[in-house]
Amino acid sequence: MCVLSRLFIDAWVYIVGRVLTSLSRSTWQAWESITVVPCLTKDRLSIYSLHRQACLNHQSFYTDPATKLQVLTRYAHLQRGKCCGNRCRHCPYGHINVEINLNQPRKIFNTSYYE
């Protein structure tokens, strides 16, 4: 995962998520500052771009190009105001309410979203 260690990224996501939850709901843009775009593959960059454009347009969903499923944006999550516990791709709350399940691998944050 590029130069950043998974542990460092997980800790950073948790801290940033906690800070952003206490700020204005329009602060989803602050997440842009932790995205390491050069580390993203072509497919990941496509998802990043679709998500970014949807957030700029204040949209709650975008369509995943690979699965054709609707994906909640970080903007929508911030409107809700808390982690729903469903392991969402763009969770701004560091998956704080996700139950630990040893049979299911933990999602890793790639500096832009969980996968």
PDB file of N, CA and C in Angstrom:
ATOM      1  N   MET A   1       0.845  -1.166   0.000  1.00  0.00           N
ATOM      2  CA  MET A   1       0.000   0.000   0.000  1.00  0.00           C
ATOM      3  C   MET A   1       0.893   1.233   0.000  1.00  0.00           C
ATOM      4  N   CYS A   2       1.471   1.568  -1.097  1.00  0.00           N
ATOM      5  CA  CYS A   2       2.366   2.722  -1.238  1.00  0.00           C
ATOM      6  C   CYS A   2       3.313   2.804  -0.059  1.00  0.00           C
ATOM      7  N   VAL A   3       3.516   3.985   0.464  1.00  0.00           N
ATOM      8  CA  VAL A   3       4.472   4.194   1.538  1.00  0.00           C
ATOM      9  C   VAL A   3       3.809   4.127   2.909  1.00  0.00           C
ATOM     10  N   LEU A   4       2.540   4.434   2.958  1.00  0.00           N
ATOM     11  CA  LEU A   4       1.840   4.504   4.242  1.00  0.00           C
ATOM     12  C   LEU A   4       1.474   3.120   4.755  1.00  0.00           C
ATOM     13  N   SER A   5       1.656   2.910   6.033  1.00  0.00           N
ATOM     14  CA  SER A   5       1.289   1.620   6.616  1.00  0.00           C
ATOM     15  C   SER A   5      -0.203   1.581   6.887  1.00  0.00           C
ATOM     16  N   ARG A   6      -0.777   0.391   6.859  1.00  0.00           N
ATOM     17  CA  ARG A   6      -2.209   0.238   7.114  1.00  0.00           C
ATOM     18  C   ARG A   6      -2.588   0.736   8.497  1.00  0.00           C
ATOM     19  N   LEU A   7      -1.766   0.456   9.466  1.00  0.00           N
ATOM     20  CA  LEU A   7      -2.056   0.879  10.833  1.00  0.00           C
ATOM     21  C   LEU A   7      -2.119   2.395  10.933  1.00  0.00           C
ATOM     22  N   PHE A   8      -1.167   3.069  10.319  1.00  0.00           N
ATOM     23  CA  PHE A   8      -1.148   4.522  10.338  1.00  0.00           C
ATOM     24  C   PHE A   8      -2.398   5.081   9.669  1.00  0.00           C
ATOM     25  N   ILE A   9      -2.755   4.533   8.518  1.00  0.00           N
ATOM     26  CA  ILE A   9      -3.930   5.018   7.793  1.00  0.00           C
ATOM     27  C   ILE A   9      -5.190   4.781   8.608  1.00  0.00           C
ATOM     28  N   ASP A  10      -5.335   3.600   9.202  1.00  0.00           N
ATOM     29  CA  ASP A  10      -6.516   3.319  10.021  1.00  0.00           C
ATOM     30  C   ASP A  10      -6.627   4.300  11.181  1.00  0.00           C
ATOM     31  N   ALA A  11      -5.506   4.580  11.830  1.00  0.00           N
ATOM     32  CA  ALA A  11      -5.515   5.527  12.952  1.00  0.00           C
ATOM     33  C   ALA A  11      -5.875   6.921  12.466  1.00  0.00           C
ATOM     34  N   TRP A  12      -5.321   7.320  11.329  1.00  0.00           N
ATOM     35  CA  TRP A  12      -5.591   8.638  10.772  1.00  0.00           C
ATOM     36  C   TRP A  12      -7.064   8.771  10.396  1.00  0.00           C
ATOM     37  N   VAL A  13      -7.617   7.752   9.757  1.00  0.00           N
ATOM     38  CA  VAL A  13      -9.027   7.775   9.369  1.00  0.00           C
ATOM     39  C   VAL A  13      -9.914   7.900  10.599  1.00  0.00           C
ATOM     40  N   TYR A  14      -9.599   7.164  11.636  1.00  0.00           N
ATOM     41  CA  TYR A  14     -10.394   7.232  12.862  1.00  0.00           C
ATOM     42  C   TYR A  14     -10.357   8.642  13.448  1.00  0.00           C
ATOM     43  N   ILE A  15      -9.166   9.220  13.545  1.00  0.00           N
ATOM     44  CA  ILE A  15      -9.025  10.556  14.127  1.00  0.00           C
ATOM     45  C   ILE A  15      -9.738  11.597  13.274  1.00  0.00           C
ATOM     46  N   VAL A  16      -9.500  11.571  11.963  1.00  0.00           N
ATOM     47  CA  VAL A  16     -10.148  12.538  11.077  1.00  0.00           C
ATOM     48  C   VAL A  16     -11.657  12.367  11.124  1.00  0.00           C
ATOM     49  N   GLY A  17     -12.128  11.128  11.139  1.00  0.00           N
ATOM     50  CA  GLY A  17     -13.565  10.871  11.218  1.00  0.00           C
ATOM     51  C   GLY A  17     -14.178  11.447  12.474  1.00  0.00           C
ATOM     52  N   ARG A  18     -13.512  11.276  13.600  1.00  0.00           N
ATOM     53  CA  ARG A  18     -14.018  11.813  14.865  1.00  0.00           C
ATOM     54  C   ARG A  18     -14.055  13.336  14.833  1.00  0.00           C
ATOM     55  N   VAL A  19     -13.024  13.953  14.264  1.00  0.00           N
ATOM     56  CA  VAL A  19     -12.985  15.415  14.187  1.00  0.00           C
ATOM     57  C   VAL A  19     -14.082  15.927  13.266  1.00  0.00           C
ATOM     58  N   LEU A  20     -14.230  15.290  12.103  1.00  0.00           N
ATOM     59  CA  LEU A  20     -15.223  15.763  11.144  1.00  0.00           C
ATOM     60  C   LEU A  20     -16.645  15.608  11.650  1.00  0.00           C
ATOM     61  N   THR A  21     -16.910  14.621  12.479  1.00  0.00           N
ATOM     62  CA  THR A  21     -18.269  14.457  12.991  1.00  0.00           C
ATOM     63  C   THR A  21     -18.655  15.609  13.897  1.00  0.00           C
ATOM     64  N   SER A  22     -17.684  16.280  14.472  1.00  0.00           N
ATOM     65  CA  SER A  22     -17.994  17.398  15.353  1.00  0.00           C
ATOM     66  C   SER A  22     -18.037  18.725  14.601  1.00  0.00           C
ATOM     67  N   LEU A  23     -17.730  18.707  13.326  1.00  0.00           N
ATOM     68  CA  LEU A  23     -17.738  19.921  12.524  1.00  0.00           C
ATOM     69  C   LEU A  23     -18.980  19.977  11.642  1.00  0.00           C
ATOM     70  N   SER A  24     -19.069  20.984  10.824  1.00  0.00           N
ATOM     71  CA  SER A  24     -20.186  21.162   9.903  1.00  0.00           C
ATOM     72  C   SER A  24     -20.295  19.978   8.951  1.00  0.00           C
ATOM     73  N   ARG A  25     -21.504  19.671   8.543  1.00  0.00           N
ATOM     74  CA  ARG A  25     -21.715  18.547   7.620  1.00  0.00           C
ATOM     75  C   ARG A  25     -21.127  18.796   6.242  1.00  0.00           C
ATOM     76  N   SER A  26     -20.819  20.025   5.930  1.00  0.00           N
ATOM     77  CA  SER A  26     -20.238  20.324   4.621  1.00  0.00           C
ATOM     78  C   SER A  26     -18.735  20.057   4.585  1.00  0.00           C
ATOM     79  N   THR A  27     -18.184  19.537   5.665  1.00  0.00           N
ATOM     80  CA  THR A  27     -16.734  19.346   5.744  1.00  0.00           C
ATOM     81  C   THR A  27     -16.250  18.057   5.089  1.00  0.00           C
ATOM     82  N   TRP A  28     -17.096  17.372   4.335  1.00  0.00           N
ATOM     83  CA  TRP A  28     -16.646  16.159   3.652  1.00  0.00           C
ATOM     84  C   TRP A  28     -15.443  16.462   2.773  1.00  0.00           C
ATOM     85  N   GLN A  29     -15.328  17.710   2.318  1.00  0.00           N
ATOM     86  CA  GLN A  29     -14.223  18.086   1.433  1.00  0.00           C
ATOM     87  C   GLN A  29     -12.870  17.962   2.127  1.00  0.00           C
ATOM     88  N   ALA A  30     -12.848  18.032   3.446  1.00  0.00           N
ATOM     89  CA  ALA A  30     -11.586  17.895   4.176  1.00  0.00           C
ATOM     90  C   ALA A  30     -10.954  16.527   3.940  1.00  0.00           C
ATOM     91  N   TRP A  31     -11.754  15.531   3.585  1.00  0.00           N
ATOM     92  CA  TRP A  31     -11.225  14.188   3.313  1.00  0.00           C
ATOM     93  C   TRP A  31     -10.332  14.184   2.085  1.00  0.00           C
ATOM     94  N   GLU A  32     -10.530  15.137   1.189  1.00  0.00           N
ATOM     95  CA  GLU A  32      -9.698  15.208  -0.011  1.00  0.00           C
ATOM     96  C   GLU A  32      -8.220  15.334   0.360  1.00  0.00           C
ATOM     97  N   SER A  33      -7.938  15.976   1.477  1.00  0.00           N
ATOM     98  CA  SER A  33      -6.552  16.235   1.853  1.00  0.00           C
ATOM     99  C   SER A  33      -5.789  14.975   2.260  1.00  0.00           C
ATOM    100  N   ILE A  34      -6.487  13.877   2.601  1.00  0.00           N
ATOM    101  CA  ILE A  34      -5.770  12.658   2.982  1.00  0.00           C
ATOM    102  C   ILE A  34      -5.695  11.641   1.847  1.00  0.00           C
ATOM    103  N   THR A  35      -6.301  11.947   0.705  1.00  0.00           N
ATOM    104  CA  THR A  35      -6.262  11.029  -0.428  1.00  0.00           C
ATOM    105  C   THR A  35      -4.928  11.150  -1.151  1.00  0.00           C
ATOM    106  N   VAL A  36      -4.250  10.017  -1.313  1.00  0.00           N
ATOM    107  CA  VAL A  36      -2.974   9.973  -2.030  1.00  0.00           C
ATOM    108  C   VAL A  36      -3.283   9.471  -3.440  1.00  0.00           C
ATOM    109  N   VAL A  37      -3.640  10.404  -4.322  1.00  0.00           N
ATOM    110  CA  VAL A  37      -4.094  10.066  -5.673  1.00  0.00           C
ATOM    111  C   VAL A  37      -3.074   9.237  -6.451  1.00  0.00           C
ATOM    112  N   PRO A  38      -1.755   9.523  -6.393  1.00  0.00           N
ATOM    113  CA  PRO A  38      -0.801   8.703  -7.155  1.00  0.00           C
ATOM    114  C   PRO A  38      -0.789   7.226  -6.749  1.00  0.00           C
ATOM    115  N   CYS A  39      -1.280   6.903  -5.563  1.00  0.00           N
ATOM    116  CA  CYS A  39      -1.305   5.508  -5.107  1.00  0.00           C
ATOM    117  C   CYS A  39      -2.508   4.739  -5.646  1.00  0.00           C
ATOM    118  N   LEU A  40      -3.472   5.435  -6.225  1.00  0.00           N
ATOM    119  CA  LEU A  40      -4.696   4.778  -6.678  1.00  0.00           C
ATOM    120  C   LEU A  40      -4.514   4.171  -8.062  1.00  0.00           C
ATOM    121  N   THR A  41      -4.987   2.932  -8.226  1.00  0.00           N
ATOM    122  CA  THR A  41      -4.966   2.286  -9.539  1.00  0.00           C
ATOM    123  C   THR A  41      -6.015   2.946 -10.427  1.00  0.00           C
ATOM    124  N   LYS A  42      -6.050   2.554 -11.685  1.00  0.00           N
ATOM    125  CA  LYS A  42      -7.011   3.126 -12.628  1.00  0.00           C
ATOM    126  C   LYS A  42      -8.450   2.906 -12.146  1.00  0.00           C
ATOM    127  N   ASP A  43      -8.767   1.697 -11.688  1.00  0.00           N
ATOM    128  CA  ASP A  43     -10.117   1.399 -11.206  1.00  0.00           C
ATOM    129  C   ASP A  43     -10.452   2.194  -9.950  1.00  0.00           C
ATOM    130  N   ARG A  44      -9.499   2.274  -9.034  1.00  0.00           N
ATOM    131  CA  ARG A  44      -9.722   3.037  -7.797  1.00  0.00           C
ATOM    132  C   ARG A  44      -9.866   4.525  -8.096  1.00  0.00           C
ATOM    133  N   LEU A  45      -9.096   5.018  -9.053  1.00  0.00           N
ATOM    134  CA  LEU A  45      -9.180   6.423  -9.432  1.00  0.00           C
ATOM    135  C   LEU A  45     -10.545   6.733 -10.045  1.00  0.00           C
ATOM    136  N   SER A  46     -11.090   5.778 -10.787  1.00  0.00           N
ATOM    137  CA  SER A  46     -12.425   5.940 -11.363  1.00  0.00           C
ATOM    138  C   SER A  46     -13.472   6.089 -10.260  1.00  0.00           C
ATOM    139  N   ILE A  47     -13.396   5.236  -9.246  1.00  0.00           N
ATOM    140  CA  ILE A  47     -14.330   5.316  -8.117  1.00  0.00           C
ATOM    141  C   ILE A  47     -14.134   6.633  -7.374  1.00  0.00           C
ATOM    142  N   TYR A  48     -12.881   7.003  -7.141  1.00  0.00           N
ATOM    143  CA  TYR A  48     -12.580   8.272  -6.465  1.00  0.00           C
ATOM    144  C   TYR A  48     -13.212   9.441  -7.221  1.00  0.00           C
ATOM    145  N   SER A  49     -13.051   9.464  -8.545  1.00  0.00           N
ATOM    146  CA  SER A  49     -13.576  10.562  -9.360  1.00  0.00           C
ATOM    147  C   SER A  49     -15.097  10.609  -9.347  1.00  0.00           C
ATOM    148  N   LEU A  50     -15.734   9.442  -9.487  1.00  0.00           N
ATOM    149  CA  LEU A  50     -17.202   9.392  -9.444  1.00  0.00           C
ATOM    150  C   LEU A  50     -17.724   9.872  -8.094  1.00  0.00           C
ATOM    151  N   HIS A  51     -17.086   9.417  -7.028  1.00  0.00           N
ATOM    152  CA  HIS A  51     -17.503   9.809  -5.683  1.00  0.00           C
ATOM    153  C   HIS A  51     -17.303  11.310  -5.470  1.00  0.00           C
ATOM    154  N   ARG A  52     -16.162  11.811  -5.879  1.00  0.00           N
ATOM    155  CA  ARG A  52     -15.859  13.237  -5.706  1.00  0.00           C
ATOM    156  C   ARG A  52     -16.882  14.101  -6.442  1.00  0.00           C
ATOM    157  N   GLN A  53     -17.193  13.729  -7.679  1.00  0.00           N
ATOM    158  CA  GLN A  53     -18.156  14.500  -8.465  1.00  0.00           C
ATOM    159  C   GLN A  53     -19.543  14.452  -7.834  1.00  0.00           C
ATOM    160  N   ALA A  54     -19.942  13.289  -7.343  1.00  0.00           N
ATOM    161  CA  ALA A  54     -21.251  13.166  -6.683  1.00  0.00           C
ATOM    162  C   ALA A  54     -21.309  14.050  -5.439  1.00  0.00           C
ATOM    163  N   CYS A  55     -20.240  14.080  -4.661  1.00  0.00           N
ATOM    164  CA  CYS A  55     -20.209  14.926  -3.458  1.00  0.00           C
ATOM    165  C   CYS A  55     -20.250  16.403  -3.826  1.00  0.00           C
ATOM    166  N   LEU A  56     -19.510  16.787  -4.860  1.00  0.00           N
ATOM    167  CA  LEU A  56     -19.528  18.184  -5.300  1.00  0.00           C
ATOM    168  C   LEU A  56     -20.928  18.612  -5.718  1.00  0.00           C
ATOM    169  N   ASN A  57     -21.704  17.662  -6.240  1.00  0.00           N
ATOM    170  CA  ASN A  57     -23.083  17.934  -6.671  1.00  0.00           C
ATOM    171  C   ASN A  57     -24.106  17.675  -5.568  1.00  0.00           C
ATOM    172  N   HIS A  58     -23.625  17.439  -4.344  1.00  0.00           N
ATOM    173  CA  HIS A  58     -24.494  17.176  -3.181  1.00  0.00           C
ATOM    174  C   HIS A  58     -25.436  15.998  -3.429  1.00  0.00           C
ATOM    175  N   GLN A  59     -24.908  14.954  -4.054  1.00  0.00           N
ATOM    176  CA  GLN A  59     -25.691  13.754  -4.326  1.00  0.00           C
ATOM    177  C   GLN A  59     -25.421  12.708  -3.252  1.00  0.00           C
ATOM    178  N   SER A  60     -26.439  11.936  -2.931  1.00  0.00           N
ATOM    179  CA  SER A  60     -26.316  10.908  -1.900  1.00  0.00           C
ATOM    180  C   SER A  60     -25.760   9.597  -2.434  1.00  0.00           C
ATOM    181  N   PHE A  61     -25.855   9.374  -3.743  1.00  0.00           N
ATOM    182  CA  PHE A  61     -25.428   8.110  -4.344  1.00  0.00           C
ATOM    183  C   PHE A  61     -24.662   8.357  -5.635  1.00  0.00           C
ATOM    184  N   TYR A  62     -23.889   7.355  -6.034  1.00  0.00           N
ATOM    185  CA  TYR A  62     -23.341   7.268  -7.384  1.00  0.00           C
ATOM    186  C   TYR A  62     -23.369   5.793  -7.759  1.00  0.00           C
ATOM    187  N   THR A  63     -23.234   5.480  -9.038  1.00  0.00           N
ATOM    188  CA  THR A  63     -23.280   4.096  -9.502  1.00  0.00           C
ATOM    189  C   THR A  63     -21.860   3.553  -9.657  1.00  0.00           C
ATOM    190  N   ASP A  64     -21.592   2.436  -8.979  1.00  0.00           N
ATOM    191  CA  ASP A  64     -20.291   1.784  -9.088  1.00  0.00           C
ATOM    192  C   ASP A  64     -20.137   1.270 -10.518  1.00  0.00           C
ATOM    193  N   PRO A  65     -19.042   1.623 -11.209  1.00  0.00           N
ATOM    194  CA  PRO A  65     -18.892   1.217 -12.608  1.00  0.00           C
ATOM    195  C   PRO A  65     -18.757  -0.294 -12.808  1.00  0.00           C
ATOM    196  N   ALA A  66     -18.217  -1.007 -11.839  1.00  0.00           N
ATOM    197  CA  ALA A  66     -18.012  -2.452 -11.986  1.00  0.00           C
ATOM    198  C   ALA A  66     -19.267  -3.246 -11.659  1.00  0.00           C
ATOM    199  N   THR A  67     -19.917  -2.913 -10.545  1.00  0.00           N
ATOM    200  CA  THR A  67     -21.060  -3.704 -10.080  1.00  0.00           C
ATOM    201  C   THR A  67     -22.406  -3.136 -10.497  1.00  0.00           C
ATOM    202  N   LYS A  68     -22.420  -1.871 -10.906  1.00  0.00           N
ATOM    203  CA  LYS A  68     -23.654  -1.143 -11.267  1.00  0.00           C
ATOM    204  C   LYS A  68     -24.576  -0.938 -10.062  1.00  0.00           C
ATOM    205  N   LEU A  69     -24.048  -1.124  -8.852  1.00  0.00           N
ATOM    206  CA  LEU A  69     -24.825  -0.896  -7.633  1.00  0.00           C
ATOM    207  C   LEU A  69     -24.722   0.564  -7.215  1.00  0.00           C
ATOM    208  N   GLN A  70     -25.751   1.037  -6.508  1.00  0.00           N
ATOM    209  CA  GLN A  70     -25.742   2.384  -5.960  1.00  0.00           C
ATOM    210  C   GLN A  70     -24.881   2.400  -4.696  1.00  0.00           C
ATOM    211  N   VAL A  71     -24.001   3.386  -4.576  1.00  0.00           N
ATOM    212  CA  VAL A  71     -23.092   3.502  -3.440  1.00  0.00           C
ATOM    213  C   VAL A  71     -23.352   4.839  -2.748  1.00  0.00           C
ATOM    214  N   LEU A  72     -23.511   4.794  -1.417  1.00  0.00           N
ATOM    215  CA  LEU A  72     -23.698   6.026  -0.647  1.00  0.00           C
ATOM    216  C   LEU A  72     -22.422   6.856  -0.665  1.00  0.00           C
ATOM    217  N   THR A  73     -22.573   8.156  -0.822  1.00  0.00           N
ATOM    218  CA  THR A  73     -21.420   9.052  -0.792  1.00  0.00           C
ATOM    219  C   THR A  73     -21.096   9.466   0.642  1.00  0.00           C
ATOM    220  N   ARG A  74     -19.894   9.979   0.831  1.00  0.00           N
ATOM    221  CA  ARG A  74     -19.506  10.505   2.140  1.00  0.00           C
ATOM    222  C   ARG A  74     -20.420  11.663   2.524  1.00  0.00           C
ATOM    223  N   TYR A  75     -20.842  12.424   1.527  1.00  0.00           N
ATOM    224  CA  TYR A  75     -21.785  13.527   1.759  1.00  0.00           C
ATOM    225  C   TYR A  75     -23.063  12.997   2.414  1.00  0.00           C
ATOM    226  N   ALA A  76     -23.602  11.896   1.918  1.00  0.00           N
ATOM    227  CA  ALA A  76     -24.827  11.301   2.480  1.00  0.00           C
ATOM    228  C   ALA A  76     -24.590  10.799   3.897  1.00  0.00           C
ATOM    229  N   HIS A  77     -23.435  10.195   4.125  1.00  0.00           N
ATOM    230  CA  HIS A  77     -23.122   9.698   5.472  1.00  0.00           C
ATOM    231  C   HIS A  77     -23.057  10.842   6.477  1.00  0.00           C
ATOM    232  N   LEU A  78     -22.446  11.954   6.077  1.00  0.00           N
ATOM    233  CA  LEU A  78     -22.353  13.103   6.976  1.00  0.00           C
ATOM    234  C   LEU A  78     -23.730  13.702   7.243  1.00  0.00           C
ATOM    235  N   GLN A  79     -24.633  13.601   6.275  1.00  0.00           N
ATOM    236  CA  GLN A  79     -26.002  14.072   6.494  1.00  0.00           C
ATOM    237  C   GLN A  79     -26.702  13.212   7.543  1.00  0.00           C
ATOM    238  N   ARG A  80     -26.402  11.904   7.555  1.00  0.00           N
ATOM    239  CA  ARG A  80     -26.991  10.994   8.537  1.00  0.00           C
ATOM    240  C   ARG A  80     -26.469  11.312   9.932  1.00  0.00           C
ATOM    241  N   GLY A  81     -25.179  11.583  10.032  1.00  0.00           N
ATOM    242  CA  GLY A  81     -24.606  12.016  11.293  1.00  0.00           C
ATOM    243  C   GLY A  81     -23.967  10.947  12.158  1.00  0.00           C
ATOM    244  N   LYS A  82     -23.971   9.680  11.721  1.00  0.00           N
ATOM    245  CA  LYS A  82     -23.322   8.626  12.504  1.00  0.00           C
ATOM    246  C   LYS A  82     -23.074   7.407  11.621  1.00  0.00           C
ATOM    247  N   CYS A  83     -22.198   6.533  12.090  1.00  0.00           N
ATOM    248  CA  CYS A  83     -21.899   5.286  11.381  1.00  0.00           C
ATOM    249  C   CYS A  83     -23.084   4.337  11.520  1.00  0.00           C
ATOM    250  N   CYS A  84     -23.516   3.753  10.397  1.00  0.00           N
ATOM    251  CA  CYS A  84     -24.662   2.835  10.421  1.00  0.00           C
ATOM    252  C   CYS A  84     -24.232   1.400  10.734  1.00  0.00           C
ATOM    253  N   GLY A  85     -22.928   1.101  10.690  1.00  0.00           N
ATOM    254  CA  GLY A  85     -22.429  -0.233  11.006  1.00  0.00           C
ATOM    255  C   GLY A  85     -22.468  -1.210   9.849  1.00  0.00           C
ATOM    256  N   ASN A  86     -22.711  -0.730   8.625  1.00  0.00           N
ATOM    257  CA  ASN A  86     -22.837  -1.616   7.460  1.00  0.00           C
ATOM    258  C   ASN A  86     -21.568  -1.729   6.609  1.00  0.00           C
ATOM    259  N   ARG A  87     -20.420  -1.310   7.139  1.00  0.00           N
ATOM    260  CA  ARG A  87     -19.145  -1.400   6.416  1.00  0.00           C
ATOM    261  C   ARG A  87     -19.176  -0.632   5.094  1.00  0.00           C
ATOM    262  N   CYS A  88     -19.737   0.550   5.113  1.00  0.00           N
ATOM    263  CA  CYS A  88     -19.883   1.353   3.897  1.00  0.00           C
ATOM    264  C   CYS A  88     -18.528   1.795   3.339  1.00  0.00           C
ATOM    265  N   ARG A  89     -18.457   1.861   2.034  1.00  0.00           N
ATOM    266  CA  ARG A  89     -17.227   2.199   1.325  1.00  0.00           C
ATOM    267  C   ARG A  89     -16.695   3.582   1.703  1.00  0.00           C
ATOM    268  N   HIS A  90     -17.570   4.561   1.832  1.00  0.00           N
ATOM    269  CA  HIS A  90     -17.138   5.941   2.074  1.00  0.00           C
ATOM    270  C   HIS A  90     -17.464   6.421   3.484  1.00  0.00           C
ATOM    271  N   CYS A  91     -17.500   5.515   4.440  1.00  0.00           N
ATOM    272  CA  CYS A  91     -17.825   5.872   5.828  1.00  0.00           C
ATOM    273  C   CYS A  91     -16.828   6.902   6.371  1.00  0.00           C
ATOM    274  N   PRO A  92     -17.307   8.073   6.786  1.00  0.00           N
ATOM    275  CA  PRO A  92     -16.402   9.080   7.342  1.00  0.00           C
ATOM    276  C   PRO A  92     -16.170   8.910   8.842  1.00  0.00           C
ATOM    277  N   TYR A  93     -16.739   7.867   9.417  1.00  0.00           N
ATOM    278  CA  TYR A  93     -16.672   7.671  10.866  1.00  0.00           C
ATOM    279  C   TYR A  93     -15.733   6.535  11.271  1.00  0.00           C
ATOM    280  N   GLY A  94     -14.894   6.080  10.356  1.00  0.00           N
ATOM    281  CA  GLY A  94     -13.908   5.052  10.679  1.00  0.00           C
ATOM    282  C   GLY A  94     -14.506   3.700  11.024  1.00  0.00           C
ATOM    283  N   HIS A  95     -15.713   3.406  10.493  1.00  0.00           N
ATOM    284  CA  HIS A  95     -16.403   2.133  10.754  1.00  0.00           C
ATOM    285  C   HIS A  95     -16.553   1.878  12.249  1.00  0.00           C
ATOM    286  N   ILE A  96     -16.779   2.925  13.003  1.00  0.00           N
ATOM    287  CA  ILE A  96     -16.814   2.831  14.465  1.00  0.00           C
ATOM    288  C   ILE A  96     -17.922   1.917  14.991  1.00  0.00           C
ATOM    289  N   ASN A  97     -19.034   1.771  14.272  1.00  0.00           N
ATOM    290  CA  ASN A  97     -20.142   0.925  14.730  1.00  0.00           C
ATOM    291  C   ASN A  97     -20.205  -0.433  14.036  1.00  0.00           C
ATOM    292  N   VAL A  98     -19.167  -0.785  13.271  1.00  0.00           N
ATOM    293  CA  VAL A  98     -19.129  -2.078  12.584  1.00  0.00           C
ATOM    294  C   VAL A  98     -18.743  -3.161  13.588  1.00  0.00           C
ATOM    295  N   GLU A  99     -19.558  -4.213  13.647  1.00  0.00           N
ATOM    296  CA  GLU A  99     -19.264  -5.322  14.556  1.00  0.00           C
ATOM    297  C   GLU A  99     -18.068  -6.117  14.044  1.00  0.00           C
ATOM    298  N   ILE A 100     -17.251  -6.579  14.970  1.00  0.00           N
ATOM    299  CA  ILE A 100     -16.091  -7.396  14.604  1.00  0.00           C
ATOM    300  C   ILE A 100     -16.576  -8.795  14.267  1.00  0.00           C
ATOM    301  N   ASN A 101     -16.217  -9.260  13.074  1.00  0.00           N
ATOM    302  CA  ASN A 101     -16.599 -10.584  12.606  1.00  0.00           C
ATOM    303  C   ASN A 101     -15.332 -11.257  12.074  1.00  0.00           C
ATOM    304  N   LEU A 102     -14.842 -12.247  12.791  1.00  0.00           N
ATOM    305  CA  LEU A 102     -13.598 -12.904  12.399  1.00  0.00           C
ATOM    306  C   LEU A 102     -13.730 -13.699  11.109  1.00  0.00           C
ATOM    307  N   ASN A 103     -14.961 -14.013  10.696  1.00  0.00           N
ATOM    308  CA  ASN A 103     -15.184 -14.759   9.458  1.00  0.00           C
ATOM    309  C   ASN A 103     -15.226 -13.849   8.237  1.00  0.00           C
ATOM    310  N   GLN A 104     -15.257 -12.558   8.462  1.00  0.00           N
ATOM    311  CA  GLN A 104     -15.338 -11.602   7.365  1.00  0.00           C
ATOM    312  C   GLN A 104     -14.112 -10.685   7.425  1.00  0.00           C
ATOM    313  N   PRO A 105     -13.346 -10.615   6.342  1.00  0.00           N
ATOM    314  CA  PRO A 105     -12.146  -9.779   6.383  1.00  0.00           C
ATOM    315  C   PRO A 105     -12.496  -8.308   6.593  1.00  0.00           C
ATOM    316  N   ARG A 106     -11.626  -7.634   7.308  1.00  0.00           N
ATOM    317  CA  ARG A 106     -11.822  -6.219   7.594  1.00  0.00           C
ATOM    318  C   ARG A 106     -11.511  -5.396   6.353  1.00  0.00           C
ATOM    319  N   LYS A 107     -12.329  -4.384   6.079  1.00  0.00           N
ATOM    320  CA  LYS A 107     -12.062  -3.510   4.946  1.00  0.00           C
ATOM    321  C   LYS A 107     -10.877  -2.612   5.275  1.00  0.00           C
ATOM    322  N   ILE A 108     -10.071  -2.337   4.262  1.00  0.00           N
ATOM    323  CA  ILE A 108      -8.877  -1.515   4.411  1.00  0.00           C
ATOM    324  C   ILE A 108      -9.119  -0.177   3.717  1.00  0.00           C
ATOM    325  N   PHE A 109      -8.696   0.906   4.354  1.00  0.00           N
ATOM    326  CA  PHE A 109      -8.834   2.245   3.786  1.00  0.00           C
ATOM    327  C   PHE A 109      -7.649   2.513   2.867  1.00  0.00           C
ATOM    328  N   ASN A 110      -7.905   2.831   1.599  1.00  0.00           N
ATOM    329  CA  ASN A 110      -6.834   3.015   0.613  1.00  0.00           C
ATOM    330  C   ASN A 110      -6.458   4.485   0.401  1.00  0.00           C
ATOM    331  N   THR A 111      -6.702   5.322   1.352  1.00  0.00           N
ATOM    332  CA  THR A 111      -6.525   6.782   1.381  1.00  0.00           C
ATOM    333  C   THR A 111      -7.680   7.526   0.730  1.00  0.00           C
ATOM    334  N   SER A 112      -8.588   6.817   0.082  1.00  0.00           N
ATOM    335  CA  SER A 112      -9.751   7.454  -0.523  1.00  0.00           C
ATOM    336  C   SER A 112     -11.057   6.840  -0.032  1.00  0.00           C
ATOM    337  N   TYR A 113     -11.082   5.508   0.096  1.00  0.00           N
ATOM    338  CA  TYR A 113     -12.289   4.807   0.529  1.00  0.00           C
ATOM    339  C   TYR A 113     -11.922   3.424   1.044  1.00  0.00           C
ATOM    340  N   TYR A 114     -12.896   2.775   1.684  1.00  0.00           N
ATOM    341  CA  TYR A 114     -12.697   1.409   2.190  1.00  0.00           C
ATOM    342  C   TYR A 114     -12.940   0.412   1.071  1.00  0.00           C
ATOM    343  N   GLU A 115     -12.123  -0.649   1.052  1.00  0.00           N
ATOM    344  CA  GLU A 115     -12.341  -1.714   0.063  1.00  0.00           C
ATOM    345  C   GLU A 115     -12.053  -3.058   0.676  1.00  0.00           C
TER     346      GLU A 115
END
